[in-house]
Amino acid sequence: MADKKNGGSPDHFELGQTGHRPFWVLKLSICIRALHQIGAAVFLTSFLLDELSGPPLPYLLLATVSGAVLLVLEGMRHRQMHRELSGLCTFIKLVLLGAAYHGFLPQTPTILAVFFFASISSHAPKLYRHRLLY
């Protein structure tokens, strides 16, 4: 029988608690996510093309600030994000991006791998993304 607490899944994985998020916050987060993707796309492109010496500051700020806002807005809905797989994926992504950006890891392959990892982790089914790890 399906477990109602876990979104109707027959598996017995506990998902993180969710809180109320007003509809306007959802709409706002969609717009901010679009801006984040623009900043992230230019950030990635700056490491893939030799013509650019690094990410342009406005786009770096756009990706950073919009990413921070998205974390706050997502935290309104998923109160235990720090205990969920999605929180771990976000942490890993930030550590790898920081290490590559500051030259501790090879920049182009690491940043490309981070974008690949971020796409997979953000599009994984809810049952996996919001599974509690501890």
Protein backbone atom coordinates (compact mmCIF):
# COMPACT_ATOMS: atom_id res chain seq x y z
CA MET A 1 0.00 0.00 0.00
CA ALA A 2 1.23 3.49 -0.78
CA ASP A 3 2.55 5.61 2.06
CA LYS A 4 0.68 8.94 2.16
CA LYS A 5 3.47 10.68 4.12
CA ASN A 6 5.97 10.01 1.36
CA GLY A 7 3.94 11.33 -1.56
CA GLY A 8 2.16 8.08 -2.33
CA SER A 9 5.36 6.12 -2.91
CA PRO A 10 5.36 2.45 -1.97
CA ASP A 11 9.01 2.79 -0.90
CA HIS A 12 9.65 3.52 2.76
CA PHE A 13 11.97 6.49 2.41
CA GLU A 14 11.30 9.45 4.65
CA LEU A 15 11.09 12.78 2.85
CA GLY A 16 11.94 16.14 4.38
CA GLN A 17 9.24 18.26 5.93
CA THR A 18 7.57 20.78 3.70
CA GLY A 19 6.15 24.11 4.73
CA HIS A 20 3.72 26.56 3.22
CA ARG A 21 4.98 28.71 0.37
CA PRO A 22 2.61 31.33 -1.03
CA PHE A 23 1.80 31.04 -4.72
CA TRP A 24 3.41 34.39 -5.48
CA VAL A 25 6.68 33.09 -4.01
CA LEU A 26 6.52 30.14 -6.40
CA LYS A 27 6.04 32.52 -9.36
CA LEU A 28 8.89 34.72 -8.09
CA SER A 29 11.19 31.72 -7.75
CA ILE A 30 10.49 30.73 -11.37
CA CYS A 31 11.56 34.20 -12.56
CA ILE A 32 14.64 34.17 -10.34
CA ARG A 33 15.55 30.68 -11.56
CA ALA A 34 15.44 31.98 -15.15
CA LEU A 35 17.80 34.82 -14.20
CA HIS A 36 20.03 32.33 -12.41
CA GLN A 37 20.25 30.21 -15.54
CA ILE A 38 21.33 33.24 -17.58
CA GLY A 39 24.09 34.07 -15.11
CA ALA A 40 25.13 30.43 -14.87
CA ALA A 41 25.17 30.04 -18.66
CA VAL A 42 27.52 33.00 -19.10
CA PHE A 43 29.64 31.70 -16.18
CA LEU A 44 29.97 28.30 -17.88
CA THR A 45 30.61 29.85 -21.30
CA SER A 46 33.45 31.96 -19.90
CA PHE A 47 35.31 28.76 -19.01
CA LEU A 48 34.51 26.95 -22.27
CA LEU A 49 35.59 29.73 -24.66
CA ASP A 50 39.17 30.94 -24.80
CA GLU A 51 38.09 34.44 -25.87
CA LEU A 52 36.91 35.27 -22.35
CA SER A 53 39.44 35.54 -19.54
CA GLY A 54 36.87 34.73 -16.87
CA PRO A 55 33.23 35.27 -16.01
CA PRO A 56 32.12 38.90 -16.42
CA LEU A 57 31.44 40.39 -12.99
CA PRO A 58 27.77 41.29 -13.62
CA TYR A 59 26.96 37.71 -14.63
CA LEU A 60 29.01 36.27 -11.78
CA LEU A 61 27.02 38.44 -9.38
CA LEU A 62 23.75 37.52 -11.11
CA ALA A 63 24.47 33.79 -10.71
CA THR A 64 25.66 34.17 -7.11
CA VAL A 65 22.90 36.44 -5.82
CA SER A 66 20.09 34.64 -7.64
CA GLY A 67 21.44 31.30 -6.39
CA ALA A 68 21.42 32.57 -2.80
CA VAL A 69 17.87 33.89 -3.20
CA LEU A 70 16.77 30.55 -4.67
CA LEU A 71 18.23 28.75 -1.65
CA VAL A 72 16.22 30.98 0.69
CA LEU A 73 13.01 30.55 -1.32
CA GLU A 74 13.50 26.78 -1.56
CA GLY A 75 14.19 26.72 2.17
CA MET A 76 10.73 28.20 2.75
CA ARG A 77 9.20 25.10 1.23
CA HIS A 78 11.71 22.42 2.20
CA ARG A 79 12.50 23.07 5.85
CA GLN A 80 14.98 20.21 6.14
CA MET A 81 16.90 20.88 2.96
CA HIS A 82 20.18 20.58 4.87
CA ARG A 83 19.25 16.95 5.62
CA GLU A 84 18.00 16.09 2.13
CA LEU A 85 19.86 14.78 -0.89
CA SER A 86 19.17 18.07 -2.68
CA GLY A 87 20.98 19.96 0.08
CA LEU A 88 23.97 17.64 -0.16
CA CYS A 89 24.06 18.06 -3.94
CA THR A 90 23.97 21.86 -3.53
CA PHE A 91 26.82 21.71 -1.01
CA ILE A 92 28.93 19.48 -3.29
CA LYS A 93 28.23 21.78 -6.23
CA LEU A 94 29.34 24.87 -4.30
CA VAL A 95 32.52 23.21 -3.00
CA LEU A 96 33.52 21.99 -6.47
CA LEU A 97 32.71 25.35 -8.10
CA GLY A 98 34.72 27.20 -5.46
CA ALA A 99 37.66 24.82 -5.78
CA ALA A 100 37.68 25.13 -9.57
CA TYR A 101 37.16 28.91 -9.60
CA HIS A 102 40.08 29.42 -7.21
CA GLY A 103 42.36 27.04 -9.13
CA PHE A 104 42.46 24.03 -6.78
CA LEU A 105 40.91 21.81 -9.46
CA PRO A 106 41.18 22.00 -13.27
CA GLN A 107 38.69 24.71 -14.14
CA THR A 108 37.03 23.75 -17.40
CA PRO A 109 36.41 20.03 -16.77
CA THR A 110 35.36 20.60 -13.15
CA ILE A 111 32.92 23.39 -13.93
CA LEU A 112 31.48 21.41 -16.83
CA ALA A 113 31.08 18.39 -14.55
CA VAL A 114 29.40 20.57 -11.90
CA PHE A 115 26.85 21.81 -14.44
CA PHE A 116 26.19 18.25 -15.56
CA PHE A 117 25.79 17.13 -11.92
CA ALA A 118 23.52 20.09 -11.14
CA SER A 119 21.23 19.30 -14.08
CA ILE A 120 20.86 15.68 -13.07
CA SER A 121 20.36 16.40 -9.38
CA SER A 122 17.82 19.17 -9.97
CA HIS A 123 15.74 17.02 -12.33
CA ALA A 124 15.78 13.83 -10.29
CA PRO A 125 12.35 12.66 -9.09
CA LYS A 126 11.07 14.24 -5.89
CA LEU A 127 11.31 10.88 -4.10
CA TYR A 128 15.09 10.98 -4.51
CA ARG A 129 15.77 14.73 -4.40
CA HIS A 130 14.03 15.31 -1.08
CA ARG A 131 14.92 12.04 0.63
CA LEU A 132 16.28 12.55 4.13
CA LEU A 133 19.86 11.36 4.52
CA TYR A 134 19.98 11.55 8.31
